Amino acid sequence: MSEIIRKHTGVRSSKIVVHNETIYLTGQVGTAGESIQKQTQECLDKIDALLAEAGSDKTRILQCTIWLSDMGYFAEMNEVWNAWVPEGHAPARACGESKLARPELKVEMIVTAAK
């Protein structure tokens, strides 16, 4: 049986779960109330840090699911996303609209990556 490693585990979730050579990150959000660009950058900065801690980086992301509180933020979020993703390393990605945990949150990102 393969070992499952959990880091930063709380009551509801772990920020990082590693199984075999796959890394699963919990949903990342930015500072509530900030602009969509700032919240997006904060999500991406957190993803960078968590992947580094797990022994990976953004070139190894397999899939990203992005939830926006309003699809009207799509273009502005993509401006930040496009500047962050290294050329030739775009992951499989889905983006949809969803009510997030708090009304002041505009974006949440969920990542699966290879080690």
PDB file of N, CA and C in Angstrom:
ATOM      1  N   MET A   1       0.842  -1.176   0.000  1.00  0.00           N
ATOM      2  CA  MET A   1       0.000   0.000   0.000  1.00  0.00           C
ATOM      3  C   MET A   1       0.892   1.246   0.000  1.00  0.00           C
ATOM      4  N   SER A   2       0.564   2.195  -0.851  1.00  0.00           N
ATOM      5  CA  SER A   2       1.343   3.429  -0.982  1.00  0.00           C
ATOM      6  C   SER A   2       1.089   4.361   0.195  1.00  0.00           C
ATOM      7  N   GLU A   3       2.156   5.009   0.620  1.00  0.00           N
ATOM      8  CA  GLU A   3       2.049   5.972   1.710  1.00  0.00           C
ATOM      9  C   GLU A   3       1.346   7.233   1.225  1.00  0.00           C
ATOM     10  N   ILE A   4       0.534   7.805   2.096  1.00  0.00           N
ATOM     11  CA  ILE A   4      -0.105   9.098   1.840  1.00  0.00           C
ATOM     12  C   ILE A   4       0.481  10.080   2.855  1.00  0.00           C
ATOM     13  N   ILE A   5       1.038  11.172   2.344  1.00  0.00           N
ATOM     14  CA  ILE A   5       1.632  12.197   3.205  1.00  0.00           C
ATOM     15  C   ILE A   5       0.704  13.408   3.200  1.00  0.00           C
ATOM     16  N   ARG A   6       0.353  13.862   4.388  1.00  0.00           N
ATOM     17  CA  ARG A   6      -0.498  15.042   4.539  1.00  0.00           C
ATOM     18  C   ARG A   6       0.282  16.107   5.308  1.00  0.00           C
ATOM     19  N   LYS A   7       0.228  17.343   4.808  1.00  0.00           N
ATOM     20  CA  LYS A   7       0.917  18.448   5.476  1.00  0.00           C
ATOM     21  C   LYS A   7      -0.069  19.572   5.758  1.00  0.00           C
ATOM     22  N   HIS A   8       0.156  20.256   6.861  1.00  0.00           N
ATOM     23  CA  HIS A   8      -0.710  21.368   7.279  1.00  0.00           C
ATOM     24  C   HIS A   8      -2.153  20.877   7.396  1.00  0.00           C
ATOM     25  N   THR A   9      -2.322  19.803   8.141  1.00  0.00           N
ATOM     26  CA  THR A   9      -3.629  19.178   8.283  1.00  0.00           C
ATOM     27  C   THR A   9      -4.428  19.840   9.393  1.00  0.00           C
ATOM     28  N   GLY A  10      -5.643  20.212   9.050  1.00  0.00           N
ATOM     29  CA  GLY A  10      -6.575  20.787  10.014  1.00  0.00           C
ATOM     30  C   GLY A  10      -7.765  19.868  10.183  1.00  0.00           C
ATOM     31  N   VAL A  11      -8.824  20.386  10.733  1.00  0.00           N
ATOM     32  CA  VAL A  11     -10.036  19.608  10.963  1.00  0.00           C
ATOM     33  C   VAL A  11     -10.683  19.195   9.644  1.00  0.00           C
ATOM     34  N   ARG A  12     -10.729  20.113   8.669  1.00  0.00           N
ATOM     35  CA  ARG A  12     -11.441  19.871   7.410  1.00  0.00           C
ATOM     36  C   ARG A  12     -10.571  19.396   6.261  1.00  0.00           C
ATOM     37  N   SER A  13      -9.327  19.830   6.234  1.00  0.00           N
ATOM     38  CA  SER A  13      -8.507  19.511   5.059  1.00  0.00           C
ATOM     39  C   SER A  13      -7.025  19.627   5.373  1.00  0.00           C
ATOM     40  N   SER A  14      -6.239  19.125   4.454  1.00  0.00           N
ATOM     41  CA  SER A  14      -4.786  19.293   4.484  1.00  0.00           C
ATOM     42  C   SER A  14      -4.421  20.208   3.327  1.00  0.00           C
ATOM     43  N   LYS A  15      -3.482  21.130   3.529  1.00  0.00           N
ATOM     44  CA  LYS A  15      -3.087  22.024   2.438  1.00  0.00           C
ATOM     45  C   LYS A  15      -2.367  21.266   1.332  1.00  0.00           C
ATOM     46  N   ILE A  16      -1.633  20.203   1.718  1.00  0.00           N
ATOM     47  CA  ILE A  16      -0.895  19.381   0.756  1.00  0.00           C
ATOM     48  C   ILE A  16      -1.172  17.915   1.064  1.00  0.00           C
ATOM     49  N   VAL A  17      -1.495  17.142   0.027  1.00  0.00           N
ATOM     50  CA  VAL A  17      -1.571  15.689   0.145  1.00  0.00           C
ATOM     51  C   VAL A  17      -0.727  15.114  -0.984  1.00  0.00           C
ATOM     52  N   VAL A  18       0.181  14.205  -0.637  1.00  0.00           N
ATOM     53  CA  VAL A  18       1.042  13.570  -1.634  1.00  0.00           C
ATOM     54  C   VAL A  18       0.785  12.073  -1.601  1.00  0.00           C
ATOM     55  N   HIS A  19       0.488  11.514  -2.777  1.00  0.00           N
ATOM     56  CA  HIS A  19       0.299  10.071  -2.922  1.00  0.00           C
ATOM     57  C   HIS A  19       1.068   9.634  -4.160  1.00  0.00           C
ATOM     58  N   ASN A  20       1.944   8.654  -3.968  1.00  0.00           N
ATOM     59  CA  ASN A  20       2.852   8.250  -5.038  1.00  0.00           C
ATOM     60  C   ASN A  20       3.611   9.490  -5.492  1.00  0.00           C
ATOM     61  N   GLU A  21       3.546   9.845  -6.736  1.00  0.00           N
ATOM     62  CA  GLU A  21       4.266  11.021  -7.249  1.00  0.00           C
ATOM     63  C   GLU A  21       3.314  12.162  -7.604  1.00  0.00           C
ATOM     64  N   THR A  22       2.110  12.133  -7.012  1.00  0.00           N
ATOM     65  CA  THR A  22       1.105  13.155  -7.306  1.00  0.00           C
ATOM     66  C   THR A  22       0.859  14.015  -6.073  1.00  0.00           C
ATOM     67  N   ILE A  23       0.773  15.320  -6.303  1.00  0.00           N
ATOM     68  CA  ILE A  23       0.552  16.304  -5.243  1.00  0.00           C
ATOM     69  C   ILE A  23      -0.826  16.927  -5.458  1.00  0.00           C
ATOM     70  N   TYR A  24      -1.606  16.949  -4.396  1.00  0.00           N
ATOM     71  CA  TYR A  24      -2.931  17.567  -4.419  1.00  0.00           C
ATOM     72  C   TYR A  24      -2.906  18.739  -3.448  1.00  0.00           C
ATOM     73  N   LEU A  25      -3.301  19.915  -3.931  1.00  0.00           N
ATOM     74  CA  LEU A  25      -3.364  21.090  -3.062  1.00  0.00           C
ATOM     75  C   LEU A  25      -4.814  21.432  -2.781  1.00  0.00           C
ATOM     76  N   THR A  26      -5.067  21.853  -1.562  1.00  0.00           N
ATOM     77  CA  THR A  26      -6.399  22.321  -1.224  1.00  0.00           C
ATOM     78  C   THR A  26      -6.668  23.630  -1.971  1.00  0.00           C
ATOM     79  N   GLY A  27      -7.909  24.047  -2.035  1.00  0.00           N
ATOM     80  CA  GLY A  27      -8.252  25.289  -2.720  1.00  0.00           C
ATOM     81  C   GLY A  27      -7.544  26.482  -2.091  1.00  0.00           C
ATOM     82  N   GLN A  28      -6.963  27.328  -2.930  1.00  0.00           N
ATOM     83  CA  GLN A  28      -6.235  28.514  -2.478  1.00  0.00           C
ATOM     84  C   GLN A  28      -7.025  29.764  -2.832  1.00  0.00           C
ATOM     85  N   VAL A  29      -7.091  30.682  -1.880  1.00  0.00           N
ATOM     86  CA  VAL A  29      -7.776  31.957  -2.092  1.00  0.00           C
ATOM     87  C   VAL A  29      -6.836  33.093  -1.698  1.00  0.00           C
ATOM     88  N   GLY A  30      -7.186  34.289  -2.138  1.00  0.00           N
ATOM     89  CA  GLY A  30      -6.423  35.474  -1.771  1.00  0.00           C
ATOM     90  C   GLY A  30      -7.090  36.195  -0.614  1.00  0.00           C
ATOM     91  N   THR A  31      -6.651  37.421  -0.376  1.00  0.00           N
ATOM     92  CA  THR A  31      -7.204  38.236   0.696  1.00  0.00           C
ATOM     93  C   THR A  31      -8.593  38.725   0.310  1.00  0.00           C
ATOM     94  N   ALA A  32      -9.568  38.394   1.132  1.00  0.00           N
ATOM     95  CA  ALA A  32     -10.955  38.798   0.871  1.00  0.00           C
ATOM     96  C   ALA A  32     -11.041  40.310   0.726  1.00  0.00           C
ATOM     97  N   GLY A  33     -11.795  40.752  -0.268  1.00  0.00           N
ATOM     98  CA  GLY A  33     -12.007  42.176  -0.477  1.00  0.00           C
ATOM     99  C   GLY A  33     -11.031  42.842  -1.423  1.00  0.00           C
ATOM    100  N   GLU A  34      -9.905  42.182  -1.719  1.00  0.00           N
ATOM    101  CA  GLU A  34      -8.934  42.744  -2.663  1.00  0.00           C
ATOM    102  C   GLU A  34      -9.446  42.600  -4.098  1.00  0.00           C
ATOM    103  N   SER A  35      -8.777  43.238  -5.045  1.00  0.00           N
ATOM    104  CA  SER A  35      -9.151  43.151  -6.461  1.00  0.00           C
ATOM    105  C   SER A  35      -8.967  41.723  -6.974  1.00  0.00           C
ATOM    106  N   ILE A  36      -9.594  41.404  -8.076  1.00  0.00           N
ATOM    107  CA  ILE A  36      -9.444  40.074  -8.667  1.00  0.00           C
ATOM    108  C   ILE A  36      -7.989  39.818  -9.043  1.00  0.00           C
ATOM    109  N   GLN A  37      -7.289  40.839  -9.534  1.00  0.00           N
ATOM    110  CA  GLN A  37      -5.887  40.654  -9.899  1.00  0.00           C
ATOM    111  C   GLN A  37      -5.042  40.318  -8.663  1.00  0.00           C
ATOM    112  N   LYS A  38      -5.257  41.039  -7.578  1.00  0.00           N
ATOM    113  CA  LYS A  38      -4.483  40.796  -6.353  1.00  0.00           C
ATOM    114  C   LYS A  38      -4.832  39.427  -5.766  1.00  0.00           C
ATOM    115  N   GLN A  39      -6.114  39.089  -5.721  1.00  0.00           N
ATOM    116  CA  GLN A  39      -6.501  37.781  -5.191  1.00  0.00           C
ATOM    117  C   GLN A  39      -5.920  36.650  -6.051  1.00  0.00           C
ATOM    118  N   THR A  40      -5.929  36.827  -7.367  1.00  0.00           N
ATOM    119  CA  THR A  40      -5.360  35.809  -8.261  1.00  0.00           C
ATOM    120  C   THR A  40      -3.869  35.654  -7.999  1.00  0.00           C
ATOM    121  N   GLN A  41      -3.138  36.761  -7.910  1.00  0.00           N
ATOM    122  CA  GLN A  41      -1.695  36.686  -7.660  1.00  0.00           C
ATOM    123  C   GLN A  41      -1.405  36.027  -6.321  1.00  0.00           C
ATOM    124  N   GLU A  42      -2.194  36.349  -5.312  1.00  0.00           N
ATOM    125  CA  GLU A  42      -1.993  35.723  -4.000  1.00  0.00           C
ATOM    126  C   GLU A  42      -2.234  34.212  -4.066  1.00  0.00           C
ATOM    127  N   CYS A  43      -3.252  33.783  -4.800  1.00  0.00           N
ATOM    128  CA  CYS A  43      -3.492  32.340  -4.998  1.00  0.00           C
ATOM    129  C   CYS A  43      -2.267  31.694  -5.632  1.00  0.00           C
ATOM    130  N   LEU A  44      -1.768  32.296  -6.681  1.00  0.00           N
ATOM    131  CA  LEU A  44      -0.630  31.739  -7.409  1.00  0.00           C
ATOM    132  C   LEU A  44       0.641  31.722  -6.553  1.00  0.00           C
ATOM    133  N   ASP A  45       0.837  32.751  -5.741  1.00  0.00           N
ATOM    134  CA  ASP A  45       1.989  32.781  -4.833  1.00  0.00           C
ATOM    135  C   ASP A  45       1.894  31.644  -3.812  1.00  0.00           C
ATOM    136  N   LYS A  46       0.703  31.414  -3.293  1.00  0.00           N
ATOM    137  CA  LYS A  46       0.503  30.314  -2.339  1.00  0.00           C
ATOM    138  C   LYS A  46       0.745  28.962  -3.011  1.00  0.00           C
ATOM    139  N   ILE A  47       0.266  28.822  -4.243  1.00  0.00           N
ATOM    140  CA  ILE A  47       0.487  27.582  -4.994  1.00  0.00           C
ATOM    141  C   ILE A  47       1.980  27.347  -5.194  1.00  0.00           C
ATOM    142  N   ASP A  48       2.706  28.386  -5.594  1.00  0.00           N
ATOM    143  CA  ASP A  48       4.163  28.278  -5.750  1.00  0.00           C
ATOM    144  C   ASP A  48       4.814  27.766  -4.462  1.00  0.00           C
ATOM    145  N   ALA A  49       4.451  28.363  -3.335  1.00  0.00           N
ATOM    146  CA  ALA A  49       5.060  27.999  -2.053  1.00  0.00           C
ATOM    147  C   ALA A  49       4.719  26.566  -1.649  1.00  0.00           C
ATOM    148  N   LEU A  50       3.469  26.172  -1.809  1.00  0.00           N
ATOM    149  CA  LEU A  50       3.060  24.819  -1.429  1.00  0.00           C
ATOM    150  C   LEU A  50       3.710  23.770  -2.328  1.00  0.00           C
ATOM    151  N   LEU A  51       3.783  24.051  -3.626  1.00  0.00           N
ATOM    152  CA  LEU A  51       4.439  23.110  -4.534  1.00  0.00           C
ATOM    153  C   LEU A  51       5.913  22.964  -4.190  1.00  0.00           C
ATOM    154  N   ALA A  52       6.579  24.070  -3.882  1.00  0.00           N
ATOM    155  CA  ALA A  52       7.995  24.012  -3.496  1.00  0.00           C
ATOM    156  C   ALA A  52       8.163  23.154  -2.243  1.00  0.00           C
ATOM    157  N   GLU A  53       7.295  23.341  -1.285  1.00  0.00           N
ATOM    158  CA  GLU A  53       7.357  22.545  -0.053  1.00  0.00           C
ATOM    159  C   GLU A  53       7.174  21.051  -0.337  1.00  0.00           C
ATOM    160  N   ALA A  54       6.359  20.743  -1.338  1.00  0.00           N
ATOM    161  CA  ALA A  54       6.091  19.345  -1.686  1.00  0.00           C
ATOM    162  C   ALA A  54       7.126  18.774  -2.657  1.00  0.00           C
ATOM    163  N   GLY A  55       8.096  19.596  -3.090  1.00  0.00           N
ATOM    164  CA  GLY A  55       9.140  19.123  -3.987  1.00  0.00           C
ATOM    165  C   GLY A  55       8.798  19.229  -5.456  1.00  0.00           C
ATOM    166  N   SER A  56       8.010  20.242  -5.809  1.00  0.00           N
ATOM    167  CA  SER A  56       7.606  20.428  -7.204  1.00  0.00           C
ATOM    168  C   SER A  56       7.602  21.918  -7.535  1.00  0.00           C
ATOM    169  N   ASP A  57       7.055  22.257  -8.704  1.00  0.00           N
ATOM    170  CA  ASP A  57       6.904  23.661  -9.097  1.00  0.00           C
ATOM    171  C   ASP A  57       5.818  23.766 -10.164  1.00  0.00           C
ATOM    172  N   LYS A  58       5.547  24.989 -10.592  1.00  0.00           N
ATOM    173  CA  LYS A  58       4.428  25.230 -11.510  1.00  0.00           C
ATOM    174  C   LYS A  58       4.599  24.594 -12.882  1.00  0.00           C
ATOM    175  N   THR A  59       5.803  24.211 -13.255  1.00  0.00           N
ATOM    176  CA  THR A  59       5.988  23.520 -14.544  1.00  0.00           C
ATOM    177  C   THR A  59       5.481  22.083 -14.477  1.00  0.00           C
ATOM    178  N   ARG A  60       5.165  21.608 -13.276  1.00  0.00           N
ATOM    179  CA  ARG A  60       4.730  20.221 -13.065  1.00  0.00           C
ATOM    180  C   ARG A  60       3.231  20.122 -12.773  1.00  0.00           C
ATOM    181  N   ILE A  61       2.500  21.243 -12.880  1.00  0.00           N
ATOM    182  CA  ILE A  61       1.060  21.209 -12.627  1.00  0.00           C
ATOM    183  C   ILE A  61       0.379  20.413 -13.738  1.00  0.00           C
ATOM    184  N   LEU A  62      -0.438  19.460 -13.318  1.00  0.00           N
ATOM    185  CA  LEU A  62      -1.194  18.632 -14.252  1.00  0.00           C
ATOM    186  C   LEU A  62      -2.544  19.251 -14.568  1.00  0.00           C
ATOM    187  N   GLN A  63      -3.196  19.746 -13.522  1.00  0.00           N
ATOM    188  CA  GLN A  63      -4.555  20.263 -13.678  1.00  0.00           C
ATOM    189  C   GLN A  63      -4.811  21.374 -12.674  1.00  0.00           C
ATOM    190  N   CYS A  64      -5.579  22.361 -13.095  1.00  0.00           N
ATOM    191  CA  CYS A  64      -6.017  23.425 -12.201  1.00  0.00           C
ATOM    192  C   CYS A  64      -7.497  23.686 -12.446  1.00  0.00           C
ATOM    193  N   THR A  65      -8.262  23.698 -11.364  1.00  0.00           N
ATOM    194  CA  THR A  65      -9.676  24.080 -11.424  1.00  0.00           C
ATOM    195  C   THR A  65      -9.783  25.447 -10.774  1.00  0.00           C
ATOM    196  N   ILE A  66     -10.388  26.382 -11.482  1.00  0.00           N
ATOM    197  CA  ILE A  66     -10.521  27.750 -10.988  1.00  0.00           C
ATOM    198  C   ILE A  66     -12.003  28.073 -10.842  1.00  0.00           C
ATOM    199  N   TRP A  67     -12.363  28.554  -9.668  1.00  0.00           N
ATOM    200  CA  TRP A  67     -13.725  29.018  -9.418  1.00  0.00           C
ATOM    201  C   TRP A  67     -13.700  30.528  -9.261  1.00  0.00           C
ATOM    202  N   LEU A  68     -14.529  31.201 -10.031  1.00  0.00           N
ATOM    203  CA  LEU A  68     -14.699  32.648  -9.925  1.00  0.00           C
ATOM    204  C   LEU A  68     -16.067  32.938  -9.338  1.00  0.00           C
ATOM    205  N   SER A  69     -16.158  33.947  -8.494  1.00  0.00           N
ATOM    206  CA  SER A  69     -17.464  34.315  -7.938  1.00  0.00           C
ATOM    207  C   SER A  69     -18.355  34.950  -9.005  1.00  0.00           C
ATOM    208  N   ASP A  70     -17.722  35.440 -10.070  1.00  0.00           N
ATOM    209  CA  ASP A  70     -18.444  36.081 -11.171  1.00  0.00           C
ATOM    210  C   ASP A  70     -17.602  35.900 -12.434  1.00  0.00           C
ATOM    211  N   MET A  71     -18.162  35.304 -13.473  1.00  0.00           N
ATOM    212  CA  MET A  71     -17.408  35.090 -14.712  1.00  0.00           C
ATOM    213  C   MET A  71     -17.000  36.401 -15.367  1.00  0.00           C
ATOM    214  N   GLY A  72     -17.539  37.522 -14.897  1.00  0.00           N
ATOM    215  CA  GLY A  72     -17.104  38.833 -15.367  1.00  0.00           C
ATOM    216  C   GLY A  72     -15.641  39.115 -15.027  1.00  0.00           C
ATOM    217  N   TYR A  73     -15.074  38.344 -14.088  1.00  0.00           N
ATOM    218  CA  TYR A  73     -13.665  38.491 -13.709  1.00  0.00           C
ATOM    219  C   TYR A  73     -12.722  37.677 -14.595  1.00  0.00           C
ATOM    220  N   PHE A  74     -13.273  36.908 -15.530  1.00  0.00           N
ATOM    221  CA  PHE A  74     -12.488  35.948 -16.310  1.00  0.00           C
ATOM    222  C   PHE A  74     -11.272  36.583 -17.003  1.00  0.00           C
ATOM    223  N   ALA A  75     -11.472  37.664 -17.726  1.00  0.00           N
ATOM    224  CA  ALA A  75     -10.373  38.291 -18.482  1.00  0.00           C
ATOM    225  C   ALA A  75      -9.296  38.836 -17.545  1.00  0.00           C
ATOM    226  N   GLU A  76      -9.697  39.493 -16.460  1.00  0.00           N
ATOM    227  CA  GLU A  76      -8.724  40.056 -15.527  1.00  0.00           C
ATOM    228  C   GLU A  76      -7.934  38.960 -14.809  1.00  0.00           C
ATOM    229  N   MET A  77      -8.610  37.874 -14.427  1.00  0.00           N
ATOM    230  CA  MET A  77      -7.921  36.750 -13.796  1.00  0.00           C
ATOM    231  C   MET A  77      -6.929  36.145 -14.779  1.00  0.00           C
ATOM    232  N   ASN A  78      -7.346  35.981 -16.045  1.00  0.00           N
ATOM    233  CA  ASN A  78      -6.474  35.389 -17.057  1.00  0.00           C
ATOM    234  C   ASN A  78      -5.225  36.227 -17.324  1.00  0.00           C
ATOM    235  N   GLU A  79      -5.310  37.539 -17.221  1.00  0.00           N
ATOM    236  CA  GLU A  79      -4.127  38.382 -17.402  1.00  0.00           C
ATOM    237  C   GLU A  79      -3.032  37.978 -16.412  1.00  0.00           C
ATOM    238  N   VAL A  80      -3.415  37.765 -15.159  1.00  0.00           N
ATOM    239  CA  VAL A  80      -2.450  37.387 -14.118  1.00  0.00           C
ATOM    240  C   VAL A  80      -2.003  35.941 -14.337  1.00  0.00           C
ATOM    241  N   TRP A  81      -2.954  35.058 -14.613  1.00  0.00           N
ATOM    242  CA  TRP A  81      -2.650  33.641 -14.853  1.00  0.00           C
ATOM    243  C   TRP A  81      -1.667  33.484 -16.016  1.00  0.00           C
ATOM    244  N   ASN A  82      -1.955  34.147 -17.134  1.00  0.00           N
ATOM    245  CA  ASN A  82      -1.123  34.003 -18.337  1.00  0.00           C
ATOM    246  C   ASN A  82       0.316  34.468 -18.110  1.00  0.00           C
ATOM    247  N   ALA A  83       0.491  35.498 -17.290  1.00  0.00           N
ATOM    248  CA  ALA A  83       1.837  35.988 -16.979  1.00  0.00           C
ATOM    249  C   ALA A  83       2.584  35.018 -16.058  1.00  0.00           C
ATOM    250  N   TRP A  84       1.852  34.206 -15.319  1.00  0.00           N
ATOM    251  CA  TRP A  84       2.439  33.285 -14.332  1.00  0.00           C
ATOM    252  C   TRP A  84       2.814  31.928 -14.929  1.00  0.00           C
ATOM    253  N   VAL A  85       1.998  31.412 -15.837  1.00  0.00           N
ATOM    254  CA  VAL A  85       2.235  30.075 -16.388  1.00  0.00           C
ATOM    255  C   VAL A  85       3.425  30.110 -17.348  1.00  0.00           C
ATOM    256  N   PRO A  86       4.437  29.263 -17.113  1.00  0.00           N
ATOM    257  CA  PRO A  86       5.581  29.241 -18.018  1.00  0.00           C
ATOM    258  C   PRO A  86       5.177  28.730 -19.409  1.00  0.00           C
ATOM    259  N   GLU A  87       5.709  29.365 -20.439  1.00  0.00           N
ATOM    260  CA  GLU A  87       5.394  28.966 -21.806  1.00  0.00           C
ATOM    261  C   GLU A  87       5.692  27.479 -22.004  1.00  0.00           C
ATOM    262  N   GLY A  88       4.740  26.792 -22.610  1.00  0.00           N
ATOM    263  CA  GLY A  88       4.886  25.364 -22.874  1.00  0.00           C
ATOM    264  C   GLY A  88       4.505  24.473 -21.702  1.00  0.00           C
ATOM    265  N   HIS A  89       4.058  25.057 -20.587  1.00  0.00           N
ATOM    266  CA  HIS A  89       3.729  24.270 -19.397  1.00  0.00           C
ATOM    267  C   HIS A  89       2.298  24.512 -18.914  1.00  0.00           C
ATOM    268  N   ALA A  90       1.413  24.937 -19.795  1.00  0.00           N
ATOM    269  CA  ALA A  90       0.026  25.172 -19.388  1.00  0.00           C
ATOM    270  C   ALA A  90      -0.626  23.838 -19.005  1.00  0.00           C
ATOM    271  N   PRO A  91      -1.244  23.782 -17.828  1.00  0.00           N
ATOM    272  CA  PRO A  91      -1.894  22.542 -17.397  1.00  0.00           C
ATOM    273  C   PRO A  91      -3.284  22.402 -18.015  1.00  0.00           C
ATOM    274  N   ALA A  92      -3.872  21.233 -17.852  1.00  0.00           N
ATOM    275  CA  ALA A  92      -5.301  21.092 -18.146  1.00  0.00           C
ATOM    276  C   ALA A  92      -6.004  22.026 -17.154  1.00  0.00           C
ATOM    277  N   ARG A  93      -7.024  22.743 -17.613  1.00  0.00           N
ATOM    278  CA  ARG A  93      -7.635  23.749 -16.752  1.00  0.00           C
ATOM    279  C   ARG A  93      -9.122  23.855 -17.008  1.00  0.00           C
ATOM    280  N   ALA A  94      -9.859  24.088 -15.945  1.00  0.00           N
ATOM    281  CA  ALA A  94     -11.287  24.380 -16.042  1.00  0.00           C
ATOM    282  C   ALA A  94     -11.542  25.630 -15.214  1.00  0.00           C
ATOM    283  N   CYS A  95     -12.479  26.443 -15.653  1.00  0.00           N
ATOM    284  CA  CYS A  95     -12.831  27.657 -14.926  1.00  0.00           C
ATOM    285  C   CYS A  95     -14.343  27.803 -14.967  1.00  0.00           C
ATOM    286  N   GLY A  96     -14.938  27.979 -13.802  1.00  0.00           N
ATOM    287  CA  GLY A  96     -16.381  28.151 -13.732  1.00  0.00           C
ATOM    288  C   GLY A  96     -16.755  29.173 -12.686  1.00  0.00           C
ATOM    289  N   GLU A  97     -18.032  29.464 -12.638  1.00  0.00           N
ATOM    290  CA  GLU A  97     -18.555  30.420 -11.664  1.00  0.00           C
ATOM    291  C   GLU A  97     -19.193  29.653 -10.519  1.00  0.00           C
ATOM    292  N   SER A  98     -18.911  30.103  -9.299  1.00  0.00           N
ATOM    293  CA  SER A  98     -19.452  29.450  -8.119  1.00  0.00           C
ATOM    294  C   SER A  98     -19.540  30.440  -6.968  1.00  0.00           C
ATOM    295  N   LYS A  99     -20.491  30.226  -6.109  1.00  0.00           N
ATOM    296  CA  LYS A  99     -20.544  31.002  -4.878  1.00  0.00           C
ATOM    297  C   LYS A  99     -19.406  30.496  -4.002  1.00  0.00           C
ATOM    298  N   LEU A 100     -18.530  31.381  -3.561  1.00  0.00           N
ATOM    299  CA  LEU A 100     -17.383  30.991  -2.751  1.00  0.00           C
ATOM    300  C   LEU A 100     -17.724  31.108  -1.260  1.00  0.00           C
ATOM    301  N   ALA A 101     -16.800  30.697  -0.397  1.00  0.00           N
ATOM    302  CA  ALA A 101     -17.054  30.599   1.041  1.00  0.00           C
ATOM    303  C   ALA A 101     -17.472  31.921   1.685  1.00  0.00           C
ATOM    304  N   ARG A 102     -16.928  33.016   1.177  1.00  0.00           N
ATOM    305  CA  ARG A 102     -17.287  34.342   1.687  1.00  0.00           C
ATOM    306  C   ARG A 102     -17.542  35.258   0.492  1.00  0.00           C
ATOM    307  N   PRO A 103     -18.473  36.187   0.603  1.00  0.00           N
ATOM    308  CA  PRO A 103     -18.804  37.065  -0.531  1.00  0.00           C
ATOM    309  C   PRO A 103     -17.643  37.931  -1.024  1.00  0.00           C
ATOM    310  N   GLU A 104     -16.661  38.202  -0.160  1.00  0.00           N
ATOM    311  CA  GLU A 104     -15.535  39.057  -0.536  1.00  0.00           C
ATOM    312  C   GLU A 104     -14.475  38.310  -1.343  1.00  0.00           C
ATOM    313  N   LEU A 105     -14.609  36.978  -1.438  1.00  0.00           N
ATOM    314  CA  LEU A 105     -13.663  36.184  -2.230  1.00  0.00           C
ATOM    315  C   LEU A 105     -14.102  36.180  -3.677  1.00  0.00           C
ATOM    316  N   LYS A 106     -13.145  36.348  -4.569  1.00  0.00           N
ATOM    317  CA  LYS A 106     -13.445  36.416  -5.995  1.00  0.00           C
ATOM    318  C   LYS A 106     -12.940  35.214  -6.766  1.00  0.00           C
ATOM    319  N   VAL A 107     -11.924  34.501  -6.231  1.00  0.00           N
ATOM    320  CA  VAL A 107     -11.312  33.399  -6.964  1.00  0.00           C
ATOM    321  C   VAL A 107     -10.792  32.340  -5.990  1.00  0.00           C
ATOM    322  N   GLU A 108     -10.903  31.086  -6.408  1.00  0.00           N
ATOM    323  CA  GLU A 108     -10.313  29.967  -5.673  1.00  0.00           C
ATOM    324  C   GLU A 108      -9.703  29.027  -6.699  1.00  0.00           C
ATOM    325  N   MET A 109      -8.502  28.516  -6.407  1.00  0.00           N
ATOM    326  CA  MET A 109      -7.797  27.631  -7.336  1.00  0.00           C
ATOM    327  C   MET A 109      -7.442  26.324  -6.647  1.00  0.00           C
ATOM    328  N   ILE A 110      -7.681  25.227  -7.352  1.00  0.00           N
ATOM    329  CA  ILE A 110      -7.397  23.881  -6.847  1.00  0.00           C
ATOM    330  C   ILE A 110      -6.434  23.225  -7.831  1.00  0.00           C
ATOM    331  N   VAL A 111      -5.304  22.744  -7.324  1.00  0.00           N
ATOM    332  CA  VAL A 111      -4.223  22.246  -8.188  1.00  0.00           C
ATOM    333  C   VAL A 111      -3.864  20.794  -7.882  1.00  0.00           C
ATOM    334  N   THR A 112      -3.593  20.051  -8.951  1.00  0.00           N
ATOM    335  CA  THR A 112      -2.982  18.720  -8.876  1.00  0.00           C
ATOM    336  C   THR A 112      -1.704  18.788  -9.693  1.00  0.00           C
ATOM    337  N   ALA A 113      -0.594  18.299  -9.115  1.00  0.00           N
ATOM    338  CA  ALA A 113       0.704  18.402  -9.784  1.00  0.00           C
ATOM    339  C   ALA A 113       1.481  17.102  -9.627  1.00  0.00           C
ATOM    340  N   ALA A 114       2.474  16.928 -10.500  1.00  0.00           N
ATOM    341  CA  ALA A 114       3.406  15.813 -10.384  1.00  0.00           C
ATOM    342  C   ALA A 114       4.572  16.259  -9.531  1.00  0.00           C
ATOM    343  N   LYS A 115       5.175  15.302  -8.832  1.00  0.00           N
ATOM    344  CA  LYS A 115       6.385  15.591  -8.051  1.00  0.00           C
ATOM    345  C   LYS A 115       7.541  15.842  -8.968  1.00  0.00           C
TER     346      LYS A 115
END
